C-alpha atoms as a PDB file:
ATOM      1  CA  MET A   1      -2.348  -6.188 -10.994  1.00  0.00           C
ATOM      2  CA  GLU A   2      -5.242  -7.268  -8.399  1.00  0.00           C
ATOM      3  CA  GLN A   3      -6.299  -5.326  -5.469  1.00  0.00           C
ATOM      4  CA  GLN A   4      -6.362  -8.381  -3.388  1.00  0.00           C
ATOM      5  CA  LYS A   5      -2.495  -8.893  -4.070  1.00  0.00           C
ATOM      6  CA  LEU A   6      -2.001  -5.284  -2.733  1.00  0.00           C
ATOM      7  CA  ILE A   7      -4.201  -6.109   0.529  1.00  0.00           C
ATOM      8  CA  GLU A   8      -1.917  -9.334   1.031  1.00  0.00           C
ATOM      9  CA  ILE A   9       1.371  -7.065   0.507  1.00  0.00           C
ATOM     10  CA  ILE A  10       0.113  -4.433   2.942  1.00  0.00           C
ATOM     11  CA  ALA A  11      -1.157  -7.114   5.693  1.00  0.00           C
ATOM     12  CA  LYS A  12       2.284  -8.975   5.223  1.00  0.00           C
ATOM     13  CA  SER A  13       4.058  -5.738   5.509  1.00  0.00           C
ATOM     14  CA  LEU A  14       2.256  -4.582   8.559  1.00  0.00           C
ATOM     15  CA  ASN A  15       1.820  -7.988  10.252  1.00  0.00           C
ATOM     16  CA  ILE A  16      -2.015  -7.829  10.144  1.00  0.00           C
ATOM     17  CA  PRO A  17      -4.735 -10.303   9.115  1.00  0.00           C
ATOM     18  CA  SER A  18      -5.897  -9.236   5.578  1.00  0.00           C
ATOM     19  CA  GLY A  19      -9.399  -9.701   6.523  1.00  0.00           C
ATOM     20  CA  GLU A  20      -9.086  -6.481   8.415  1.00  0.00           C
ATOM     21  CA  ILE A  21      -8.201  -4.570   5.190  1.00  0.00           C
ATOM     22  CA  ALA A  22     -10.672  -3.612   2.697  1.00  0.00           C
ATOM     23  CA  ALA A  23     -10.566  -1.148  -0.181  1.00  0.00           C
ATOM     24  CA  THR A  24     -11.654   1.671   1.813  1.00  0.00           C
ATOM     25  CA  THR A  25      -9.454   1.226   4.683  1.00  0.00           C
ATOM     26  CA  SER A  26      -7.382   4.192   5.667  1.00  0.00           C
ATOM     27  CA  LEU A  27      -3.778   3.176   6.256  1.00  0.00           C
ATOM     28  CA  SER A  28      -3.141   6.207   8.730  1.00  0.00           C
ATOM     29  CA  HIS A  29      -6.496   6.382  10.556  1.00  0.00           C
ATOM     30  CA  GLU A  30      -7.894   2.916  10.697  1.00  0.00           C
ATOM     31  CA  ILE A  31      -4.599   0.820  10.620  1.00  0.00           C
ATOM     32  CA  GLY A  32      -2.511   3.583  12.437  1.00  0.00           C
ATOM     33  CA  VAL A  33       0.598   2.900  10.179  1.00  0.00           C
ATOM     34  CA  ASP A  34       3.710   4.338  11.920  1.00  0.00           C
ATOM     35  CA  SER A  35       6.698   5.817   9.933  1.00  0.00           C
ATOM     36  CA  ILE A  36       8.788   2.565  10.337  1.00  0.00           C
ATOM     37  CA  GLU A  37       5.808   0.441   9.081  1.00  0.00           C
ATOM     38  CA  MET A  38       5.494   3.001   6.183  1.00  0.00           C
ATOM     39  CA  VAL A  39       9.213   2.642   5.138  1.00  0.00           C
ATOM     40  CA  THR A  40       8.800  -1.252   5.257  1.00  0.00           C
ATOM     41  CA  LEU A  41       5.552  -1.061   3.220  1.00  0.00           C
ATOM     42  CA  CYS A  42       6.980   1.255   0.516  1.00  0.00           C
ATOM     43  CA  ARG A  43       9.937  -1.104   0.096  1.00  0.00           C
ATOM     44  CA  ASN A  44       7.677  -4.034  -0.130  1.00  0.00           C
ATOM     45  CA  LEU A  45       5.336  -2.333  -2.683  1.00  0.00           C
ATOM     46  CA  THR A  46       8.004  -1.045  -4.764  1.00  0.00           C
ATOM     47  CA  LYS A  47       9.731  -4.497  -4.872  1.00  0.00           C
ATOM     48  CA  THR A  48       6.499  -6.176  -5.531  1.00  0.00           C
ATOM     49  CA  PHE A  49       4.954  -3.937  -8.113  1.00  0.00           C
ATOM     50  CA  ASN A  50       8.037  -2.790  -9.822  1.00  0.00           C
ATOM     51  CA  CYS A  51       7.386   0.861  -9.580  1.00  0.00           C
ATOM     52  CA  ASN A  52       9.370   3.706  -7.711  1.00  0.00           C
ATOM     53  CA  LEU A  53       7.057   4.768  -4.905  1.00  0.00           C
ATOM     54  CA  ASN A  54       8.011   6.721  -1.839  1.00  0.00           C
ATOM     55  CA  VAL A  55       6.653   7.225   1.620  1.00  0.00           C
ATOM     56  CA  ALA A  56       4.765  10.511   0.760  1.00  0.00           C
ATOM     57  CA  GLU A  57       2.857   9.239  -2.025  1.00  0.00           C
ATOM     58  CA  ILE A  58       1.566   6.181   0.120  1.00  0.00           C
ATOM     59  CA  LYS A  59       0.502   8.673   2.840  1.00  0.00           C
ATOM     60  CA  GLU A  60      -1.213  10.658   0.325  1.00  0.00           C
ATOM     61  CA  ALA A  61      -3.108   7.785  -1.212  1.00  0.00           C
ATOM     62  CA  ASP A  62      -3.793   6.813   2.086  1.00  0.00           C
ATOM     63  CA  THR A  63      -6.680   4.126   1.375  1.00  0.00           C
ATOM     64  CA  VAL A  64      -6.098   0.718  -0.222  1.00  0.00           C
ATOM     65  CA  GLU A  65      -8.381   1.587  -3.099  1.00  0.00           C
ATOM     66  CA  LYS A  66      -6.292   4.915  -3.993  1.00  0.00           C
ATOM     67  CA  LEU A  67      -2.858   3.401  -3.423  1.00  0.00           C
ATOM     68  CA  PHE A  68      -4.169   0.542  -6.117  1.00  0.00           C
ATOM     69  CA  MET A  69      -5.062   3.169  -8.553  1.00  0.00           C
ATOM     70  CA  TYR A  70      -1.820   5.156  -7.977  1.00  0.00           C
ATOM     71  CA  ILE A  71       0.409   2.148  -8.421  1.00  0.00           C
ATOM     72  CA  GLU A  72      -1.524   1.109 -11.523  1.00  0.00           C
ATOM     73  CA  GLU A  73      -0.923   4.659 -13.129  1.00  0.00           C
ATOM     74  CA  LYS A  74       2.854   4.305 -12.001  1.00  0.00           C
ATOM     75  CA  GLN A  75       3.198   1.018 -13.621  1.00  0.00           C
ATOM     76  CA  LYS A  76       1.683   2.346 -16.773  1.00  0.00           C
ATOM     77  CA  VAL A  77       4.146   5.355 -16.956  1.00  0.00           C
ATOM     78  CA  SER A  78       7.250   2.960 -16.123  1.00  0.00           C
END
């Protein structure tokens, strides 16, 4: 999995330009993802990366970089 692909999925899910998202971008503080957007993002990430994620896990990871590492770990376990 490439981090850029994760950024593209986040951008598409939240309807924002991918150029506004960096590895250190906080989903909650910098982007301001609300609960409905978080559910959409969760569904799209689970589908795209074939791993079982939930909203709480995405909130806990918060940054793109941490979310990337978390998804990679989940994929290894699956």
